[in-house]
Amino acid sequence: MLRPSPIPIPDRSEDDARMREMPPERRLAIVDAVCRTAASLLEVNRSRERVLAHREPMPASSEAHWARLRRAARRPFQAA
């Protein structure tokens, strides 16, 4: 039987809705800022090489979705 998490899980629905409504340029700026912050943190991390070498296996459902996306990207674009 699963026990409740001791850490409260926040309701992310407002954040999710705000991100969906955000223009792509703004979302890209946020992703860019997060990546730059991560790079800055890695620069000072004593375990940098271990962190960068770590790979988690992708779930089978994600592998299948990724394969579908790659196949779709290879098909010629057809305007609706």
C-alpha atoms as a PDB file:
ATOM      1  CA  MET A   1       0.000   0.000   0.000  1.00  0.00           C
ATOM      2  CA  LEU A   2       1.336   3.419  -0.894  1.00  0.00           C
ATOM      3  CA  ARG A   3       1.837   5.881   1.890  1.00  0.00           C
ATOM      4  CA  PRO A   4       1.198   9.594   1.395  1.00  0.00           C
ATOM      5  CA  SER A   5       4.262  11.605   0.514  1.00  0.00           C
ATOM      6  CA  PRO A   6       5.772  13.426   3.508  1.00  0.00           C
ATOM      7  CA  ILE A   7       6.532  16.298   1.144  1.00  0.00           C
ATOM      8  CA  PRO A   8       3.492  18.301   0.064  1.00  0.00           C
ATOM      9  CA  ILE A   9       3.027  18.202  -3.703  1.00  0.00           C
ATOM     10  CA  PRO A  10       2.076  21.675  -4.936  1.00  0.00           C
ATOM     11  CA  ASP A  11      -0.794  22.241  -7.308  1.00  0.00           C
ATOM     12  CA  ARG A  12       0.902  23.267 -10.537  1.00  0.00           C
ATOM     13  CA  SER A  13      -2.260  23.896 -12.577  1.00  0.00           C
ATOM     14  CA  GLU A  14      -1.937  27.699 -12.404  1.00  0.00           C
ATOM     15  CA  ASP A  15       1.703  27.583 -13.496  1.00  0.00           C
ATOM     16  CA  ASP A  16       0.851  25.131 -16.264  1.00  0.00           C
ATOM     17  CA  ALA A  17      -1.973  27.335 -17.542  1.00  0.00           C
ATOM     18  CA  ARG A  18       0.247  30.417 -17.445  1.00  0.00           C
ATOM     19  CA  MET A  19       2.958  28.632 -19.459  1.00  0.00           C
ATOM     20  CA  ARG A  20       0.435  27.431 -22.069  1.00  0.00           C
ATOM     21  CA  GLU A  21      -0.839  30.983 -22.561  1.00  0.00           C
ATOM     22  CA  MET A  22       2.667  32.454 -22.772  1.00  0.00           C
ATOM     23  CA  PRO A  23       4.033  33.432 -26.195  1.00  0.00           C
ATOM     24  CA  PRO A  24       6.730  31.045 -27.495  1.00  0.00           C
ATOM     25  CA  GLU A  25       9.362  33.792 -27.360  1.00  0.00           C
ATOM     26  CA  ARG A  26       8.776  34.293 -23.633  1.00  0.00           C
ATOM     27  CA  ARG A  27       8.862  30.537 -22.969  1.00  0.00           C
ATOM     28  CA  LEU A  28      12.142  30.326 -24.871  1.00  0.00           C
ATOM     29  CA  ALA A  29      13.576  33.163 -22.770  1.00  0.00           C
ATOM     30  CA  ILE A  30      12.644  31.273 -19.588  1.00  0.00           C
ATOM     31  CA  VAL A  31      14.205  28.030 -20.836  1.00  0.00           C
ATOM     32  CA  ASP A  32      17.330  29.973 -21.821  1.00  0.00           C
ATOM     33  CA  ALA A  33      17.569  31.509 -18.346  1.00  0.00           C
ATOM     34  CA  VAL A  34      17.167  28.118 -16.670  1.00  0.00           C
ATOM     35  CA  CYS A  35      19.870  26.581 -18.883  1.00  0.00           C
ATOM     36  CA  ARG A  36      22.265  29.452 -18.183  1.00  0.00           C
ATOM     37  CA  THR A  37      21.642  29.092 -14.442  1.00  0.00           C
ATOM     38  CA  ALA A  38      22.286  25.347 -14.635  1.00  0.00           C
ATOM     39  CA  ALA A  39      25.540  25.966 -16.543  1.00  0.00           C
ATOM     40  CA  SER A  40      26.645  28.501 -13.902  1.00  0.00           C
ATOM     41  CA  LEU A  41      25.922  26.022 -11.114  1.00  0.00           C
ATOM     42  CA  LEU A  42      27.836  23.277 -12.922  1.00  0.00           C
ATOM     43  CA  GLU A  43      30.885  25.517 -13.261  1.00  0.00           C
ATOM     44  CA  VAL A  44      31.332  25.586  -9.491  1.00  0.00           C
ATOM     45  CA  ASN A  45      30.167  22.045  -8.731  1.00  0.00           C
ATOM     46  CA  ARG A  46      32.999  19.783  -7.539  1.00  0.00           C
ATOM     47  CA  SER A  47      31.126  16.789  -8.979  1.00  0.00           C
ATOM     48  CA  ARG A  48      30.645  18.397 -12.402  1.00  0.00           C
ATOM     49  CA  GLU A  49      32.005  15.469 -14.450  1.00  0.00           C
ATOM     50  CA  ARG A  50      29.927  12.924 -12.531  1.00  0.00           C
ATOM     51  CA  VAL A  51      26.806  15.067 -12.901  1.00  0.00           C
ATOM     52  CA  LEU A  52      27.340  15.501 -16.649  1.00  0.00           C
ATOM     53  CA  ALA A  53      28.089  11.794 -17.143  1.00  0.00           C
ATOM     54  CA  HIS A  54      24.882  10.658 -15.389  1.00  0.00           C
ATOM     55  CA  ARG A  55      22.233   9.247 -17.732  1.00  0.00           C
ATOM     56  CA  GLU A  56      18.821   7.996 -16.703  1.00  0.00           C
ATOM     57  CA  PRO A  57      17.126   5.504 -18.999  1.00  0.00           C
ATOM     58  CA  MET A  58      14.135   6.856 -20.871  1.00  0.00           C
ATOM     59  CA  PRO A  59      10.832   5.090 -20.104  1.00  0.00           C
ATOM     60  CA  ALA A  60       9.552   2.848 -22.901  1.00  0.00           C
ATOM     61  CA  SER A  61       6.536   5.120 -23.434  1.00  0.00           C
ATOM     62  CA  SER A  62       8.840   8.113 -23.943  1.00  0.00           C
ATOM     63  CA  GLU A  63      11.080   6.120 -26.308  1.00  0.00           C
ATOM     64  CA  ALA A  64       8.009   5.265 -28.400  1.00  0.00           C
ATOM     65  CA  HIS A  65       6.821   8.872 -28.420  1.00  0.00           C
ATOM     66  CA  TRP A  66      10.309  10.091 -29.387  1.00  0.00           C
ATOM     67  CA  ALA A  67      10.383   7.579 -32.274  1.00  0.00           C
ATOM     68  CA  ARG A  68       6.993   8.869 -33.507  1.00  0.00           C
ATOM     69  CA  LEU A  69       8.257  12.463 -33.360  1.00  0.00           C
ATOM     70  CA  ARG A  70      11.390  11.546 -35.344  1.00  0.00           C
ATOM     71  CA  ARG A  71       9.303   9.773 -37.999  1.00  0.00           C
ATOM     72  CA  ALA A  72       6.955  12.761 -38.236  1.00  0.00           C
ATOM     73  CA  ALA A  73       9.926  15.136 -38.607  1.00  0.00           C
ATOM     74  CA  ARG A  74      11.205  13.137 -41.589  1.00  0.00           C
ATOM     75  CA  ARG A  75       7.898  13.406 -43.459  1.00  0.00           C
ATOM     76  CA  PRO A  76       7.432  16.367 -45.779  1.00  0.00           C
ATOM     77  CA  PHE A  77       5.404  19.196 -44.268  1.00  0.00           C
ATOM     78  CA  GLN A  78       1.803  19.331 -45.457  1.00  0.00           C
ATOM     79  CA  ALA A  79      -0.133  22.512 -44.833  1.00  0.00           C
ATOM     80  CA  ALA A  80      -3.622  21.943 -43.473  1.00  0.00           C
END
